Amino acid sequence: MDYFDIAADHDGVLAQAFRGIKTRFCVVSFTCDWLFPTAESRALVHALNASSARVSFAEIETDRGHDAFLLDVPEFFDISRAFLQSAGKARGLGSDGRLEHGAFRNRPCRSPASTPHRTGNFRTDHLLVAEMVERGSSVLDVGCGDGDLLQLLESRGIDGRGIELSREGVNRCVAKGLAVVQGDADTDLVNYPDDAFDYVILSQTLQATRQPKAVLENLLRIGQRAIVSFPNFGFWKMRLQLLVGGHMPRTENLPATWYDTPNIHFCTIKDFVQLCDEINVKMERAVALDLYGRPVPLNLPWWVWNMFGEQGVFPAEPRRQGK
């Protein structure tokens, strides 16, 4: 086993071994496994990402050693069960393992199209983003959290993948049968090839990245289009708290105090528009949402959006030469 090297037959490039593969993958590592450490699992996941394979990755914290997968680890069972059920459903199998009526074995690995109930627990910006994505598209959701947006997208017949920083969030996503890997937007997006997805989404995460400009450039490299949503620090309630209260603002969407917030690069709608101009990004159908989640009228000037928009949702794509 120590001498097996699948990359040896592909000029030493592991990703080439998976090129064009249609199989779904679920990679699980254990923090206590010294024989097959998490670093090796991550290298495998990076290679699968580079080949545009559908892969889920979760790391489970346990002290049960290399043989943890043979023992009673409920989190491992939950993840394995959800992955197998999701893979079976994509191939037309019911929960009892039998082929569902009307299913056929070579259909695409994605959920059937349906329209979600808008009375559910979907965030307003998630519903808006979902409306911007064409059915049948492939999507990478960066900073996908618990996978709520991915579930919404897949219910609409969209092939969704995700990347999430927190181990707990990743494990919850994988337990739902979603194709999500643990990774950092600042460092791991480089492992994805150019034009790997139709859309790359960054929802309420831009302000938590260490290098927002580099992250945005990677989004536009990986996807044909990007959709970015973020809280607007120029919102009138933010300004009022700074002006009158003299303290860092806190709102329903940004409840954390200044000393324990994950947000390190706040920006306004005006700031984001200026960044897009700087890196030659074309914006279309941008929307600002007010305090009640309603779109700010399109025909109003930017300063109104910057003042009364609590959050912005911006579809973007590279500005092509000659356009």
C-alpha atoms as a PDB file:
ATOM      1  CA  MET A   1       0.000   0.000   0.000  1.00  0.00           C
ATOM      2  CA  ASP A   2       2.830   2.423   0.777  1.00  0.00           C
ATOM      3  CA  TYR A   3       4.209   2.001  -2.767  1.00  0.00           C
ATOM      4  CA  PHE A   4       0.902   2.552  -4.584  1.00  0.00           C
ATOM      5  CA  ASP A   5       0.969   5.829  -6.536  1.00  0.00           C
ATOM      6  CA  ILE A   6      -1.959   6.510  -8.847  1.00  0.00           C
ATOM      7  CA  ALA A   7      -0.277   9.674 -10.121  1.00  0.00           C
ATOM      8  CA  ALA A   8       2.740   7.747 -11.440  1.00  0.00           C
ATOM      9  CA  ASP A   9       0.860   6.793 -14.603  1.00  0.00           C
ATOM     10  CA  HIS A  10      -0.151  10.413 -15.200  1.00  0.00           C
ATOM     11  CA  ASP A  11       3.203  12.227 -15.237  1.00  0.00           C
ATOM     12  CA  GLY A  12       3.026  12.649 -11.476  1.00  0.00           C
ATOM     13  CA  VAL A  13      -0.115  14.831 -11.648  1.00  0.00           C
ATOM     14  CA  LEU A  14      -2.788  13.313  -9.414  1.00  0.00           C
ATOM     15  CA  ALA A  15      -5.587  15.449 -10.883  1.00  0.00           C
ATOM     16  CA  GLN A  16      -4.992  13.899 -14.311  1.00  0.00           C
ATOM     17  CA  ALA A  17      -5.951  10.509 -12.908  1.00  0.00           C
ATOM     18  CA  PHE A  18      -9.471  11.801 -12.246  1.00  0.00           C
ATOM     19  CA  ARG A  19      -9.942  13.841 -15.413  1.00  0.00           C
ATOM     20  CA  GLY A  20     -13.453  13.428 -16.816  1.00  0.00           C
ATOM     21  CA  ILE A  21     -14.603  11.081 -14.064  1.00  0.00           C
ATOM     22  CA  LYS A  22     -18.337  11.103 -13.270  1.00  0.00           C
ATOM     23  CA  THR A  23     -18.224   9.225  -9.959  1.00  0.00           C
ATOM     24  CA  ARG A  24     -19.280  10.967  -6.748  1.00  0.00           C
ATOM     25  CA  PHE A  25     -16.654  10.985  -4.004  1.00  0.00           C
ATOM     26  CA  CYS A  26     -16.888  11.344  -0.234  1.00  0.00           C
ATOM     27  CA  VAL A  27     -13.544  11.662   1.567  1.00  0.00           C
ATOM     28  CA  VAL A  28     -13.574  11.416   5.365  1.00  0.00           C
ATOM     29  CA  SER A  29     -10.554  11.806   7.618  1.00  0.00           C
ATOM     30  CA  PHE A  30     -10.094  11.476  11.363  1.00  0.00           C
ATOM     31  CA  THR A  31      -7.983  13.892  13.400  1.00  0.00           C
ATOM     32  CA  CYS A  32      -6.421  10.974  15.274  1.00  0.00           C
ATOM     33  CA  ASP A  33      -5.383   8.923  12.202  1.00  0.00           C
ATOM     34  CA  TRP A  34      -1.577   8.941  12.092  1.00  0.00           C
ATOM     35  CA  LEU A  35      -1.400   6.383   9.262  1.00  0.00           C
ATOM     36  CA  PHE A  36      -3.590   8.321   6.788  1.00  0.00           C
ATOM     37  CA  PRO A  37      -3.443  11.907   8.088  1.00  0.00           C
ATOM     38  CA  THR A  38      -5.851  14.652   7.081  1.00  0.00           C
ATOM     39  CA  ALA A  39      -3.150  16.360   5.001  1.00  0.00           C
ATOM     40  CA  GLU A  40      -3.131  13.399   2.597  1.00  0.00           C
ATOM     41  CA  SER A  41      -6.922  13.455   2.374  1.00  0.00           C
ATOM     42  CA  ARG A  42      -6.807  17.161   1.564  1.00  0.00           C
ATOM     43  CA  ALA A  43      -4.267  16.522  -1.217  1.00  0.00           C
ATOM     44  CA  LEU A  44      -6.669  13.991  -2.724  1.00  0.00           C
ATOM     45  CA  VAL A  45      -9.566  16.449  -2.451  1.00  0.00           C
ATOM     46  CA  HIS A  46      -7.501  19.198  -4.104  1.00  0.00           C
ATOM     47  CA  ALA A  47      -6.780  16.851  -7.011  1.00  0.00           C
ATOM     48  CA  LEU A  48     -10.466  15.982  -7.339  1.00  0.00           C
ATOM     49  CA  ASN A  49     -11.378  19.680  -7.291  1.00  0.00           C
ATOM     50  CA  ALA A  50      -8.794  20.366  -9.988  1.00  0.00           C
ATOM     51  CA  SER A  51     -10.456  17.712 -12.169  1.00  0.00           C
ATOM     52  CA  SER A  52     -13.937  19.204 -11.509  1.00  0.00           C
ATOM     53  CA  ALA A  53     -15.094  15.989  -9.823  1.00  0.00           C
ATOM     54  CA  ARG A  54     -18.049  16.021  -7.443  1.00  0.00           C
ATOM     55  CA  VAL A  55     -16.455  15.529  -4.026  1.00  0.00           C
ATOM     56  CA  SER A  56     -17.425  15.929  -0.394  1.00  0.00           C
ATOM     57  CA  PHE A  57     -14.838  16.132   2.365  1.00  0.00           C
ATOM     58  CA  ALA A  58     -15.273  16.080   6.123  1.00  0.00           C
ATOM     59  CA  GLU A  59     -12.820  15.818   8.989  1.00  0.00           C
ATOM     60  CA  ILE A  60     -14.077  14.177  12.178  1.00  0.00           C
ATOM     61  CA  GLU A  61     -12.540  15.006  15.544  1.00  0.00           C
ATOM     62  CA  THR A  62     -12.032  11.881  17.639  1.00  0.00           C
ATOM     63  CA  ASP A  63      -9.365  10.214  19.784  1.00  0.00           C
ATOM     64  CA  ARG A  64     -10.021   6.637  18.637  1.00  0.00           C
ATOM     65  CA  GLY A  65      -6.968   6.241  16.430  1.00  0.00           C
ATOM     66  CA  HIS A  66      -6.530   4.831  12.937  1.00  0.00           C
ATOM     67  CA  ASP A  67      -9.363   2.289  13.367  1.00  0.00           C
ATOM     68  CA  ALA A  68     -11.958   4.932  14.246  1.00  0.00           C
ATOM     69  CA  PHE A  69     -13.916   4.098  11.086  1.00  0.00           C
ATOM     70  CA  LEU A  70     -14.494   0.582  12.484  1.00  0.00           C
ATOM     71  CA  LEU A  71     -15.864   1.876  15.790  1.00  0.00           C
ATOM     72  CA  ASP A  72     -19.056   3.590  16.873  1.00  0.00           C
ATOM     73  CA  VAL A  73     -18.552   7.172  15.662  1.00  0.00           C
ATOM     74  CA  PRO A  74     -22.080   8.581  15.068  1.00  0.00           C
ATOM     75  CA  GLU A  75     -20.859  11.547  13.012  1.00  0.00           C
ATOM     76  CA  PHE A  76     -19.112   9.196  10.576  1.00  0.00           C
ATOM     77  CA  PHE A  77     -22.258   7.084  10.253  1.00  0.00           C
ATOM     78  CA  ASP A  78     -24.429  10.166   9.642  1.00  0.00           C
ATOM     79  CA  ILE A  79     -22.123  11.451   6.923  1.00  0.00           C
ATOM     80  CA  SER A  80     -21.758   8.050   5.233  1.00  0.00           C
ATOM     81  CA  ARG A  81     -25.492   7.384   5.341  1.00  0.00           C
ATOM     82  CA  ALA A  82     -26.416  10.784   3.900  1.00  0.00           C
ATOM     83  CA  PHE A  83     -23.800  10.515   1.152  1.00  0.00           C
ATOM     84  CA  LEU A  84     -24.969   7.049   0.072  1.00  0.00           C
ATOM     85  CA  GLN A  85     -28.627   8.088   0.137  1.00  0.00           C
ATOM     86  CA  SER A  86     -27.868  11.210  -1.899  1.00  0.00           C
ATOM     87  CA  ALA A  87     -25.813   9.264  -4.437  1.00  0.00           C
ATOM     88  CA  GLY A  88     -28.533   6.627  -4.693  1.00  0.00           C
ATOM     89  CA  LYS A  89     -31.236   9.228  -5.188  1.00  0.00           C
ATOM     90  CA  ALA A  90     -29.211  10.826  -7.983  1.00  0.00           C
ATOM     91  CA  ARG A  91     -29.197   7.438  -9.736  1.00  0.00           C
ATOM     92  CA  GLY A  92     -32.935   6.967  -9.309  1.00  0.00           C
ATOM     93  CA  LEU A  93     -32.876   4.716  -6.245  1.00  0.00           C
ATOM     94  CA  GLY A  94     -35.409   5.006  -3.443  1.00  0.00           C
ATOM     95  CA  SER A  95     -34.621   4.772   0.259  1.00  0.00           C
ATOM     96  CA  ASP A  96     -35.160   0.990   0.052  1.00  0.00           C
ATOM     97  CA  GLY A  97     -32.463   0.651  -2.632  1.00  0.00           C
ATOM     98  CA  ARG A  98     -34.940  -0.064  -5.421  1.00  0.00           C
ATOM     99  CA  LEU A  99     -35.093   1.837  -8.693  1.00  0.00           C
ATOM    100  CA  GLU A 100     -37.810   4.477  -8.517  1.00  0.00           C
ATOM    101  CA  HIS A 101     -40.564   4.435 -11.131  1.00  0.00           C
ATOM    102  CA  GLY A 102     -39.561   6.366 -14.230  1.00  0.00           C
ATOM    103  CA  ALA A 103     -35.907   6.700 -13.214  1.00  0.00           C
ATOM    104  CA  PHE A 104     -33.083   5.723 -15.484  1.00  0.00           C
ATOM    105  CA  ARG A 105     -29.516   4.923 -14.590  1.00  0.00           C
ATOM    106  CA  ASN A 106     -27.625   7.396 -16.739  1.00  0.00           C
ATOM    107  CA  ARG A 107     -29.374  10.559 -15.729  1.00  0.00           C
ATOM    108  CA  PRO A 108     -27.284  13.504 -14.479  1.00  0.00           C
ATOM    109  CA  CYS A 109     -26.193  13.497 -10.829  1.00  0.00           C
ATOM    110  CA  ARG A 110     -28.416  16.342  -9.668  1.00  0.00           C
ATOM    111  CA  SER A 111     -31.731  16.770  -7.944  1.00  0.00           C
ATOM    112  CA  PRO A 112     -34.901  17.082 -10.035  1.00  0.00           C
ATOM    113  CA  ALA A 113     -36.144  20.615 -10.717  1.00  0.00           C
ATOM    114  CA  SER A 114     -38.837  21.928  -8.422  1.00  0.00           C
ATOM    115  CA  THR A 115     -39.899  25.280  -7.030  1.00  0.00           C
ATOM    116  CA  PRO A 116     -39.294  25.752  -3.284  1.00  0.00           C
ATOM    117  CA  HIS A 117     -41.948  27.287  -1.087  1.00  0.00           C
ATOM    118  CA  ARG A 118     -41.124  30.910  -0.457  1.00  0.00           C
ATOM    119  CA  THR A 119     -42.801  30.652   2.926  1.00  0.00           C
ATOM    120  CA  GLY A 120     -39.966  28.459   4.189  1.00  0.00           C
ATOM    121  CA  ASN A 121     -36.904  29.518   6.139  1.00  0.00           C
ATOM    122  CA  PHE A 122     -34.944  30.834   3.151  1.00  0.00           C
ATOM    123  CA  ARG A 123     -33.055  34.086   3.557  1.00  0.00           C
ATOM    124  CA  THR A 124     -34.148  36.928   1.291  1.00  0.00           C
ATOM    125  CA  ASP A 125     -30.737  37.230  -0.332  1.00  0.00           C
ATOM    126  CA  HIS A 126     -30.649  33.444  -0.914  1.00  0.00           C
ATOM    127  CA  LEU A 127     -33.957  33.609  -2.769  1.00  0.00           C
ATOM    128  CA  LEU A 128     -32.670  36.518  -4.827  1.00  0.00           C
ATOM    129  CA  VAL A 129     -29.413  34.725  -5.669  1.00  0.00           C
ATOM    130  CA  ALA A 130     -31.322  31.584  -6.652  1.00  0.00           C
ATOM    131  CA  GLU A 131     -33.399  33.656  -9.087  1.00  0.00           C
ATOM    132  CA  MET A 132     -30.187  34.864 -10.741  1.00  0.00           C
ATOM    133  CA  VAL A 133     -28.879  31.341 -11.443  1.00  0.00           C
ATOM    134  CA  GLU A 134     -30.122  29.546 -14.548  1.00  0.00           C
ATOM    135  CA  ARG A 135     -31.587  26.084 -14.055  1.00  0.00           C
ATOM    136  CA  GLY A 136     -29.249  23.269 -15.018  1.00  0.00           C
ATOM    137  CA  SER A 137     -26.146  25.341 -14.233  1.00  0.00           C
ATOM    138  CA  SER A 138     -23.156  24.250 -12.174  1.00  0.00           C
ATOM    139  CA  VAL A 139     -22.452  26.326  -9.058  1.00  0.00           C
ATOM    140  CA  LEU A 140     -19.713  26.622  -6.440  1.00  0.00           C
ATOM    141  CA  ASP A 141     -20.919  28.222  -3.197  1.00  0.00           C
ATOM    142  CA  VAL A 142     -17.920  29.666  -1.335  1.00  0.00           C
ATOM    143  CA  GLY A 143     -18.489  29.948   2.404  1.00  0.00           C
ATOM    144  CA  CYS A 144     -21.654  27.848   2.187  1.00  0.00           C
ATOM    145  CA  GLY A 145     -22.253  27.582   5.953  1.00  0.00           C
ATOM    146  CA  ASP A 146     -24.827  24.893   6.757  1.00  0.00           C
ATOM    147  CA  GLY A 147     -25.720  24.467   3.072  1.00  0.00           C
ATOM    148  CA  ASP A 148     -29.087  26.270   3.053  1.00  0.00           C
ATOM    149  CA  LEU A 149     -28.403  28.041  -0.247  1.00  0.00           C
ATOM    150  CA  LEU A 150     -27.025  24.852  -1.825  1.00  0.00           C
ATOM    151  CA  GLN A 151     -30.177  22.972  -0.856  1.00  0.00           C
ATOM    152  CA  LEU A 152     -32.305  25.718  -2.383  1.00  0.00           C
ATOM    153  CA  LEU A 153     -30.273  25.667  -5.598  1.00  0.00           C
ATOM    154  CA  GLU A 154     -30.325  21.878  -5.920  1.00  0.00           C
ATOM    155  CA  SER A 155     -34.107  21.866  -5.425  1.00  0.00           C
ATOM    156  CA  ARG A 156     -34.196  23.957  -8.613  1.00  0.00           C
ATOM    157  CA  GLY A 157     -32.214  21.443 -10.662  1.00  0.00           C
ATOM    158  CA  ILE A 158     -28.830  23.143 -10.214  1.00  0.00           C
ATOM    159  CA  ASP A 159     -25.629  21.130  -9.719  1.00  0.00           C
ATOM    160  CA  GLY A 160     -24.243  22.671  -6.530  1.00  0.00           C
ATOM    161  CA  ARG A 161     -20.877  22.254  -4.811  1.00  0.00           C
ATOM    162  CA  GLY A 162     -19.605  24.064  -1.733  1.00  0.00           C
ATOM    163  CA  ILE A 163     -16.523  25.062   0.217  1.00  0.00           C
ATOM    164  CA  GLU A 164     -16.752  25.979   3.908  1.00  0.00           C
ATOM    165  CA  LEU A 165     -14.138  26.939   6.484  1.00  0.00           C
ATOM    166  CA  SER A 166     -15.706  25.524   9.657  1.00  0.00           C
ATOM    167  CA  ARG A 167     -15.466  21.797  10.265  1.00  0.00           C
ATOM    168  CA  GLU A 168     -18.877  21.757  11.932  1.00  0.00           C
ATOM    169  CA  GLY A 169     -20.537  23.462   8.943  1.00  0.00           C
ATOM    170  CA  VAL A 170     -18.903  21.066   6.490  1.00  0.00           C
ATOM    171  CA  ASN A 171     -19.975  18.006   8.445  1.00  0.00           C
ATOM    172  CA  ARG A 172     -23.556  19.245   8.626  1.00  0.00           C
ATOM    173  CA  CYS A 173     -23.555  19.850   4.863  1.00  0.00           C
ATOM    174  CA  VAL A 174     -22.123  16.427   4.049  1.00  0.00           C
ATOM    175  CA  ALA A 175     -24.639  14.846   6.439  1.00  0.00           C
ATOM    176  CA  LYS A 176     -27.346  16.465   4.266  1.00  0.00           C
ATOM    177  CA  GLY A 177     -25.891  14.777   1.188  1.00  0.00           C
ATOM    178  CA  LEU A 178     -24.336  17.977  -0.223  1.00  0.00           C
ATOM    179  CA  ALA A 179     -21.018  18.011  -2.084  1.00  0.00           C
ATOM    180  CA  VAL A 180     -19.033  20.268   0.262  1.00  0.00           C
ATOM    181  CA  VAL A 181     -15.348  20.316   1.169  1.00  0.00           C
ATOM    182  CA  GLN A 182     -13.567  22.029   4.026  1.00  0.00           C
ATOM    183  CA  GLY A 183     -11.433  24.883   2.788  1.00  0.00           C
ATOM    184  CA  ASP A 184     -10.451  28.532   3.078  1.00  0.00           C
ATOM    185  CA  ALA A 185     -11.517  31.015   0.402  1.00  0.00           C
ATOM    186  CA  ASP A 186      -8.231  32.880   0.841  1.00  0.00           C
ATOM    187  CA  THR A 187      -5.970  29.871   0.217  1.00  0.00           C
ATOM    188  CA  ASP A 188      -7.913  26.999  -1.384  1.00  0.00           C
ATOM    189  CA  LEU A 189      -9.638  28.583  -4.375  1.00  0.00           C
ATOM    190  CA  VAL A 190      -6.340  28.320  -6.270  1.00  0.00           C
ATOM    191  CA  ASN A 191      -6.915  24.545  -6.391  1.00  0.00           C
ATOM    192  CA  TYR A 192      -9.906  24.963  -8.716  1.00  0.00           C
ATOM    193  CA  PRO A 193      -9.313  25.140 -12.498  1.00  0.00           C
ATOM    194  CA  ASP A 194     -10.339  28.038 -14.728  1.00  0.00           C
ATOM    195  CA  ASP A 195     -13.990  28.150 -15.860  1.00  0.00           C
ATOM    196  CA  ALA A 196     -14.854  25.079 -13.770  1.00  0.00           C
ATOM    197  CA  PHE A 197     -18.373  26.342 -12.950  1.00  0.00           C
ATOM    198  CA  ASP A 198     -21.098  28.405 -14.565  1.00  0.00           C
ATOM    199  CA  TYR A 199     -21.504  30.450 -11.381  1.00  0.00           C
ATOM    200  CA  VAL A 200     -19.418  30.988  -8.247  1.00  0.00           C
ATOM    201  CA  ILE A 201     -21.322  32.469  -5.306  1.00  0.00           C
ATOM    202  CA  LEU A 202     -19.899  34.321  -2.313  1.00  0.00           C
ATOM    203  CA  SER A 203     -22.817  35.022   0.020  1.00  0.00           C
ATOM    204  CA  GLN A 204     -22.227  37.278   3.048  1.00  0.00           C
ATOM    205  CA  THR A 205     -18.592  36.101   3.226  1.00  0.00           C
ATOM    206  CA  LEU A 206     -16.516  38.739   1.402  1.00  0.00           C
ATOM    207  CA  GLN A 207     -16.054  40.837   4.557  1.00  0.00           C
ATOM    208  CA  ALA A 208     -14.633  37.817   6.434  1.00  0.00           C
ATOM    209  CA  THR A 209     -11.833  37.118   3.938  1.00  0.00           C
ATOM    210  CA  ARG A 210      -8.266  38.306   4.453  1.00  0.00           C
ATOM    211  CA  GLN A 211      -7.725  39.270   0.802  1.00  0.00           C
ATOM    212  CA  PRO A 212     -11.102  40.306  -0.686  1.00  0.00           C
ATOM    213  CA  LYS A 213      -9.643  41.510  -3.985  1.00  0.00           C
ATOM    214  CA  ALA A 214      -7.753  38.256  -4.606  1.00  0.00           C
ATOM    215  CA  VAL A 215     -10.819  36.222  -3.618  1.00  0.00           C
ATOM    216  CA  LEU A 216     -13.018  38.156  -6.061  1.00  0.00           C
ATOM    217  CA  GLU A 217     -10.466  37.645  -8.837  1.00  0.00           C
ATOM    218  CA  ASN A 218     -10.437  33.906  -8.116  1.00  0.00           C
ATOM    219  CA  LEU A 219     -14.239  33.773  -8.232  1.00  0.00           C
ATOM    220  CA  LEU A 220     -14.185  35.281 -11.709  1.00  0.00           C
ATOM    221  CA  ARG A 221     -11.423  32.907 -12.822  1.00  0.00           C
ATOM    222  CA  ILE A 222     -13.182  29.771 -11.578  1.00  0.00           C
ATOM    223  CA  GLY A 223     -16.666  30.674 -12.796  1.00  0.00           C
ATOM    224  CA  GLN A 224     -18.150  32.135 -15.957  1.00  0.00           C
ATOM    225  CA  ARG A 225     -20.017  34.501 -13.619  1.00  0.00           C
ATOM    226  CA  ALA A 226     -19.846  35.418  -9.956  1.00  0.00           C
ATOM    227  CA  ILE A 227     -22.598  36.492  -7.580  1.00  0.00           C
ATOM    228  CA  VAL A 228     -21.451  38.364  -4.477  1.00  0.00           C
ATOM    229  CA  SER A 229     -23.644  39.494  -1.580  1.00  0.00           C
ATOM    230  CA  PHE A 230     -22.411  41.417   1.441  1.00  0.00           C
ATOM    231  CA  PRO A 231     -23.638  43.676   4.266  1.00  0.00           C
ATOM    232  CA  ASN A 232     -23.399  47.353   3.391  1.00  0.00           C
ATOM    233  CA  PHE A 233     -21.400  49.216   6.016  1.00  0.00           C
ATOM    234  CA  GLY A 234     -22.645  52.487   4.504  1.00  0.00           C
ATOM    235  CA  PHE A 235     -26.235  51.699   5.544  1.00  0.00           C
ATOM    236  CA  TRP A 236     -27.886  54.603   7.395  1.00  0.00           C
ATOM    237  CA  LYS A 237     -28.306  52.656  10.645  1.00  0.00           C
ATOM    238  CA  MET A 238     -24.574  51.882  10.652  1.00  0.00           C
ATOM    239  CA  ARG A 239     -23.723  55.538  10.131  1.00  0.00           C
ATOM    240  CA  LEU A 240     -26.146  56.622  12.859  1.00  0.00           C
ATOM    241  CA  GLN A 241     -24.657  54.258  15.448  1.00  0.00           C
ATOM    242  CA  LEU A 242     -21.167  55.547  14.684  1.00  0.00           C
ATOM    243  CA  LEU A 243     -22.248  59.198  14.657  1.00  0.00           C
ATOM    244  CA  VAL A 244     -24.557  59.232  17.681  1.00  0.00           C
ATOM    245  CA  GLY A 245     -23.471  56.213  19.709  1.00  0.00           C
ATOM    246  CA  GLY A 246     -19.771  56.481  18.980  1.00  0.00           C
ATOM    247  CA  HIS A 247     -19.352  52.677  18.862  1.00  0.00           C
ATOM    248  CA  MET A 248     -18.912  50.020  16.210  1.00  0.00           C
ATOM    249  CA  PRO A 249     -22.341  49.258  14.750  1.00  0.00           C
ATOM    250  CA  ARG A 250     -24.329  46.100  15.468  1.00  0.00           C
ATOM    251  CA  THR A 251     -27.418  45.083  13.533  1.00  0.00           C
ATOM    252  CA  GLU A 252     -29.616  42.018  13.154  1.00  0.00           C
ATOM    253  CA  ASN A 253     -27.435  40.898  10.239  1.00  0.00           C
ATOM    254  CA  LEU A 254     -24.193  41.803  12.036  1.00  0.00           C
ATOM    255  CA  PRO A 255     -24.855  40.936  15.692  1.00  0.00           C
ATOM    256  CA  ALA A 256     -21.272  40.242  16.820  1.00  0.00           C
ATOM    257  CA  THR A 257     -19.296  42.743  18.870  1.00  0.00           C
ATOM    258  CA  TRP A 258     -16.145  44.283  17.424  1.00  0.00           C
ATOM    259  CA  TYR A 259     -13.828  42.011  19.447  1.00  0.00           C
ATOM    260  CA  ASP A 260     -15.350  38.648  18.490  1.00  0.00           C
ATOM    261  CA  THR A 261     -16.606  39.221  14.950  1.00  0.00           C
ATOM    262  CA  PRO A 262     -15.234  37.117  12.060  1.00  0.00           C
ATOM    263  CA  ASN A 263     -15.708  40.143   9.795  1.00  0.00           C
ATOM    264  CA  ILE A 264     -12.430  41.935   9.174  1.00  0.00           C
ATOM    265  CA  HIS A 265     -12.945  43.853   5.899  1.00  0.00           C
ATOM    266  CA  PHE A 266     -16.195  45.760   5.996  1.00  0.00           C
ATOM    267  CA  CYS A 267     -17.079  47.664   2.852  1.00  0.00           C
ATOM    268  CA  THR A 268     -19.883  49.797   1.464  1.00  0.00           C
ATOM    269  CA  ILE A 269     -21.750  49.344  -1.791  1.00  0.00           C
ATOM    270  CA  LYS A 270     -19.735  52.249  -3.156  1.00  0.00           C
ATOM    271  CA  ASP A 271     -16.469  50.554  -2.130  1.00  0.00           C
ATOM    272  CA  PHE A 272     -17.450  47.327  -3.907  1.00  0.00           C
ATOM    273  CA  VAL A 273     -18.422  49.149  -7.096  1.00  0.00           C
ATOM    274  CA  GLN A 274     -15.050  50.936  -7.081  1.00  0.00           C
ATOM    275  CA  LEU A 275     -13.230  47.600  -6.619  1.00  0.00           C
ATOM    276  CA  CYS A 276     -15.109  46.097  -9.571  1.00  0.00           C
ATOM    277  CA  ASP A 277     -14.068  49.076 -11.726  1.00  0.00           C
ATOM    278  CA  GLU A 278     -10.461  48.665 -10.572  1.00  0.00           C
ATOM    279  CA  ILE A 279     -10.234  45.005 -11.631  1.00  0.00           C
ATOM    280  CA  ASN A 280     -12.310  45.540 -14.803  1.00  0.00           C
ATOM    281  CA  VAL A 281     -15.430  43.660 -13.709  1.00  0.00           C
ATOM    282  CA  LYS A 282     -18.772  44.064 -15.445  1.00  0.00           C
ATOM    283  CA  MET A 283     -21.850  44.205 -13.180  1.00  0.00           C
ATOM    284  CA  GLU A 284     -25.396  43.434 -14.309  1.00  0.00           C
ATOM    285  CA  ARG A 285     -28.741  43.328 -12.488  1.00  0.00           C
ATOM    286  CA  ALA A 286     -27.232  44.450  -9.183  1.00  0.00           C
ATOM    287  CA  VAL A 287     -29.729  44.721  -6.326  1.00  0.00           C
ATOM    288  CA  ALA A 288     -29.629  46.536  -2.985  1.00  0.00           C
ATOM    289  CA  LEU A 289     -31.996  45.301  -0.272  1.00  0.00           C
ATOM    290  CA  ASP A 290     -33.410  47.671   2.306  1.00  0.00           C
ATOM    291  CA  LEU A 291     -34.036  47.096   6.019  1.00  0.00           C
ATOM    292  CA  TYR A 292     -37.073  44.934   5.238  1.00  0.00           C
ATOM    293  CA  GLY A 293     -35.441  42.862   2.495  1.00  0.00           C
ATOM    294  CA  ARG A 294     -37.124  44.818  -0.309  1.00  0.00           C
ATOM    295  CA  PRO A 295     -35.138  45.878  -3.405  1.00  0.00           C
ATOM    296  CA  VAL A 296     -34.147  49.537  -3.525  1.00  0.00           C
ATOM    297  CA  PRO A 297     -35.530  50.971  -6.824  1.00  0.00           C
ATOM    298  CA  LEU A 298     -33.110  50.531  -9.727  1.00  0.00           C
ATOM    299  CA  ASN A 299     -33.530  54.047 -11.092  1.00  0.00           C
ATOM    300  CA  LEU A 300     -32.161  55.695  -7.958  1.00  0.00           C
ATOM    301  CA  PRO A 301     -28.524  56.911  -7.908  1.00  0.00           C
ATOM    302  CA  TRP A 302     -25.682  54.962  -6.251  1.00  0.00           C
ATOM    303  CA  TRP A 303     -25.557  57.235  -3.199  1.00  0.00           C
ATOM    304  CA  VAL A 304     -29.160  56.250  -2.386  1.00  0.00           C
ATOM    305  CA  TRP A 305     -28.266  52.549  -2.623  1.00  0.00           C
ATOM    306  CA  ASN A 306     -25.245  53.221  -0.420  1.00  0.00           C
ATOM    307  CA  MET A 307     -27.406  54.990   2.177  1.00  0.00           C
ATOM    308  CA  PHE A 308     -30.558  52.856   2.227  1.00  0.00           C
ATOM    309  CA  GLY A 309     -29.351  49.428   1.108  1.00  0.00           C
ATOM    310  CA  GLU A 310     -28.692  47.164   4.110  1.00  0.00           C
ATOM    311  CA  GLN A 311     -27.028  44.610   1.834  1.00  0.00           C
ATOM    312  CA  GLY A 312     -25.993  44.357  -1.784  1.00  0.00           C
ATOM    313  CA  VAL A 313     -26.299  41.448  -4.231  1.00  0.00           C
ATOM    314  CA  PHE A 314     -24.041  41.846  -7.253  1.00  0.00           C
ATOM    315  CA  PRO A 315     -23.845  39.512 -10.282  1.00  0.00           C
ATOM    316  CA  ALA A 316     -20.481  40.076 -11.961  1.00  0.00           C
ATOM    317  CA  GLU A 317     -18.385  38.779 -14.815  1.00  0.00           C
ATOM    318  CA  PRO A 318     -15.037  39.710 -16.372  1.00  0.00           C
ATOM    319  CA  ARG A 319     -15.293  42.556 -18.850  1.00  0.00           C
ATOM    320  CA  ARG A 320     -14.437  41.009 -22.217  1.00  0.00           C
ATOM    321  CA  GLN A 321     -12.177  42.825 -24.638  1.00  0.00           C
ATOM    322  CA  GLY A 322     -14.059  44.785 -27.233  1.00  0.00           C
ATOM    323  CA  LYS A 323     -17.159  45.097 -25.050  1.00  0.00           C
END
